[in-house]
Each structure stands twice: as structure tokens, then as C-alpha cells.
Amino acid sequence: LCERSGKTIEEFKSLMKSPLSGGINPASVLSLAGAASLVVAENTVEYAVSLIPLLGTLVAGGMSYMTVSTMLKRALNDIAEDARNVLIASVQTEV
């Protein structure tokens, strides 16, 4: 892509704003989760509810699913935006 567009890899990397562009690490995961306090609060509620037999397990499972689903959607949207920015820069037209 660099050879075809005449741009350097550094130029393309500078266009990537996703927290995952530097790799997956604890900081990028926390940024995808929103605020760290939100994750801590959700974990506290999930733990308290999980102490209730059966109902707690269902609620905790649902909360975990929604958290992971939201994080993955946010990550996918961020990466798609990075890909779009790189594509626009490489062909130098609006996509």
C-alpha cells in the first residue's frame, strides 16, 4: 500500500486513532470499556447480584454479555474508522 500510494508507513499510522492501533493491552481495553469507574461499578453490581441463586446468575450473565458486546462493537467501529482514514489517504479521494 505504501509503494502504490507513495506514502510512508508513519503517515498511515498517524491516521489511526483507535485505542487498539497500538495493540491490545490493559489501557486499550479500559478505554474501550469507557471509564474505569463504570467497569468497577458494573463488576460490583454483578458480584452482588450473582449471590442470589439462579436469578443472580442470569442477571450477571446478561450484564457480562452486554459489556463484552458493547466493547467489541466500539472496537470494530474504531478499527473501521481507521481503515477508512487509511483508504482515503491512500487513494486521496473521499470514500
C-alpha atoms as a PDB file:
ATOM      1  CA  LEU A   1       0.000   0.000   0.000  1.00  0.00           C
ATOM      2  CA  CYS A   2       2.895   2.336   0.783  1.00  0.00           C
ATOM      3  CA  GLU A   3       4.515   1.650  -2.590  1.00  0.00           C
ATOM      4  CA  ARG A   4       1.285   2.189  -4.521  1.00  0.00           C
ATOM      5  CA  SER A   5       0.254   5.367  -2.734  1.00  0.00           C
ATOM      6  CA  GLY A   6       3.706   6.892  -2.312  1.00  0.00           C
ATOM      7  CA  LYS A   7       3.132   7.469   1.401  1.00  0.00           C
ATOM      8  CA  THR A   8       5.202   6.209   4.297  1.00  0.00           C
ATOM      9  CA  ILE A   9       4.012   3.800   6.958  1.00  0.00           C
ATOM     10  CA  GLU A  10       4.387   6.594   9.525  1.00  0.00           C
ATOM     11  CA  GLU A  11       1.889   8.727   7.593  1.00  0.00           C
ATOM     12  CA  PHE A  12      -0.631   5.897   7.667  1.00  0.00           C
ATOM     13  CA  LYS A  13       0.000   5.146  11.343  1.00  0.00           C
ATOM     14  CA  SER A  14      -0.589   8.801  12.210  1.00  0.00           C
ATOM     15  CA  LEU A  15      -4.114   8.500  10.775  1.00  0.00           C
ATOM     16  CA  MET A  16      -5.050   5.670  13.136  1.00  0.00           C
ATOM     17  CA  LYS A  17      -6.795   6.952  16.264  1.00  0.00           C
ATOM     18  CA  SER A  18      -8.203   3.670  17.603  1.00  0.00           C
ATOM     19  CA  PRO A  19      -7.012   2.606  21.061  1.00  0.00           C
ATOM     20  CA  LEU A  20      -6.273  -0.790  19.521  1.00  0.00           C
ATOM     21  CA  SER A  21      -3.939   0.584  16.852  1.00  0.00           C
ATOM     22  CA  GLY A  22      -1.038   0.112  19.267  1.00  0.00           C
ATOM     23  CA  GLY A  23      -2.090  -3.416  20.167  1.00  0.00           C
ATOM     24  CA  ILE A  24      -4.304  -4.953  22.803  1.00  0.00           C
ATOM     25  CA  ASN A  25      -3.213  -4.069  26.324  1.00  0.00           C
ATOM     26  CA  PRO A  26      -4.972  -3.217  29.610  1.00  0.00           C
ATOM     27  CA  ALA A  27      -5.065   0.506  28.778  1.00  0.00           C
ATOM     28  CA  SER A  28      -6.741  -0.046  25.399  1.00  0.00           C
ATOM     29  CA  VAL A  29      -9.298  -2.409  26.940  1.00  0.00           C
ATOM     30  CA  LEU A  30     -10.174   0.136  29.635  1.00  0.00           C
ATOM     31  CA  SER A  31     -10.571   2.874  27.035  1.00  0.00           C
ATOM     32  CA  LEU A  32     -12.977   0.646  25.113  1.00  0.00           C
ATOM     33  CA  ALA A  33     -14.945  -0.058  28.272  1.00  0.00           C
ATOM     34  CA  GLY A  34     -15.487   3.663  28.708  1.00  0.00           C
ATOM     35  CA  ALA A  35     -14.433   4.845  32.118  1.00  0.00           C
ATOM     36  CA  ALA A  36     -12.704   2.562  34.567  1.00  0.00           C
ATOM     37  CA  SER A  37     -15.175   3.583  37.276  1.00  0.00           C
ATOM     38  CA  LEU A  38     -18.048   2.312  35.121  1.00  0.00           C
ATOM     39  CA  VAL A  39     -16.397  -1.097  34.836  1.00  0.00           C
ATOM     40  CA  VAL A  40     -15.720  -1.238  38.577  1.00  0.00           C
ATOM     41  CA  ALA A  41     -19.310  -0.228  39.375  1.00  0.00           C
ATOM     42  CA  GLU A  42     -20.702  -2.827  36.989  1.00  0.00           C
ATOM     43  CA  ASN A  43     -18.457  -5.536  38.429  1.00  0.00           C
ATOM     44  CA  THR A  44     -19.627  -4.649  41.944  1.00  0.00           C
ATOM     45  CA  VAL A  45     -23.306  -4.851  40.966  1.00  0.00           C
ATOM     46  CA  GLU A  46     -22.690  -8.050  39.019  1.00  0.00           C
ATOM     47  CA  TYR A  47     -20.977  -9.663  42.013  1.00  0.00           C
ATOM     48  CA  ALA A  48     -23.750  -8.612  44.423  1.00  0.00           C
ATOM     49  CA  VAL A  49     -26.483  -9.898  42.123  1.00  0.00           C
ATOM     50  CA  SER A  50     -24.606 -13.148  41.463  1.00  0.00           C
ATOM     51  CA  LEU A  51     -25.037 -14.056  45.137  1.00  0.00           C
ATOM     52  CA  ILE A  52     -28.779 -14.550  44.540  1.00  0.00           C
ATOM     53  CA  PRO A  53     -29.290 -18.154  43.424  1.00  0.00           C
ATOM     54  CA  LEU A  54     -30.416 -18.647  39.792  1.00  0.00           C
ATOM     55  CA  LEU A  55     -31.751 -15.120  39.234  1.00  0.00           C
ATOM     56  CA  GLY A  56     -28.374 -13.623  40.090  1.00  0.00           C
ATOM     57  CA  THR A  57     -26.611 -15.906  37.635  1.00  0.00           C
ATOM     58  CA  LEU A  58     -28.959 -14.891  34.823  1.00  0.00           C
ATOM     59  CA  VAL A  59     -28.600 -11.177  35.550  1.00  0.00           C
ATOM     60  CA  ALA A  60     -24.805 -11.399  35.896  1.00  0.00           C
ATOM     61  CA  GLY A  61     -24.565 -13.337  32.623  1.00  0.00           C
ATOM     62  CA  GLY A  62     -26.690 -10.752  30.824  1.00  0.00           C
ATOM     63  CA  MET A  63     -24.602  -7.888  32.172  1.00  0.00           C
ATOM     64  CA  SER A  64     -21.375  -9.607  31.127  1.00  0.00           C
ATOM     65  CA  TYR A  65     -22.749 -10.258  27.642  1.00  0.00           C
ATOM     66  CA  MET A  66     -23.807  -6.632  27.193  1.00  0.00           C
ATOM     67  CA  THR A  67     -20.438  -5.346  28.416  1.00  0.00           C
ATOM     68  CA  VAL A  68     -18.444  -7.546  26.043  1.00  0.00           C
ATOM     69  CA  SER A  69     -20.829  -6.868  23.159  1.00  0.00           C
ATOM     70  CA  THR A  70     -20.572  -3.097  23.642  1.00  0.00           C
ATOM     71  CA  MET A  71     -16.777  -3.219  23.868  1.00  0.00           C
ATOM     72  CA  LEU A  72     -16.485  -5.317  20.703  1.00  0.00           C
ATOM     73  CA  LYS A  73     -18.846  -3.037  18.760  1.00  0.00           C
ATOM     74  CA  ARG A  74     -16.876   0.018  19.856  1.00  0.00           C
ATOM     75  CA  ALA A  75     -13.587  -1.667  18.889  1.00  0.00           C
ATOM     76  CA  LEU A  76     -14.936  -2.698  15.483  1.00  0.00           C
ATOM     77  CA  ASN A  77     -16.263   0.800  14.775  1.00  0.00           C
ATOM     78  CA  ASP A  78     -12.941   2.379  15.799  1.00  0.00           C
ATOM     79  CA  ILE A  79     -10.941  -0.006  13.614  1.00  0.00           C
ATOM     80  CA  ALA A  80     -13.326   0.530  10.682  1.00  0.00           C
ATOM     81  CA  GLU A  81     -12.848   4.295  11.012  1.00  0.00           C
ATOM     82  CA  ASP A  82      -9.062   3.817  10.996  1.00  0.00           C
ATOM     83  CA  ALA A  83      -9.316   1.649   7.874  1.00  0.00           C
ATOM     84  CA  ARG A  84     -11.494   4.277   6.185  1.00  0.00           C
ATOM     85  CA  ASN A  85      -8.998   7.046   7.011  1.00  0.00           C
ATOM     86  CA  VAL A  86      -6.096   4.996   5.629  1.00  0.00           C
ATOM     87  CA  LEU A  87      -8.063   4.162   2.474  1.00  0.00           C
ATOM     88  CA  ILE A  88      -8.952   7.810   1.889  1.00  0.00           C
ATOM     89  CA  ALA A  89      -5.322   8.836   2.371  1.00  0.00           C
ATOM     90  CA  SER A  90      -4.038   6.102   0.071  1.00  0.00           C
ATOM     91  CA  VAL A  91      -6.333   6.917  -2.853  1.00  0.00           C
ATOM     92  CA  GLN A  92      -6.562  10.623  -1.963  1.00  0.00           C
ATOM     93  CA  THR A  93     -10.306  10.799  -2.582  1.00  0.00           C
ATOM     94  CA  GLU A  94     -13.366  10.754  -0.356  1.00  0.00           C
ATOM     95  CA  VAL A  95     -14.837   7.281   0.166  1.00  0.00           C
END
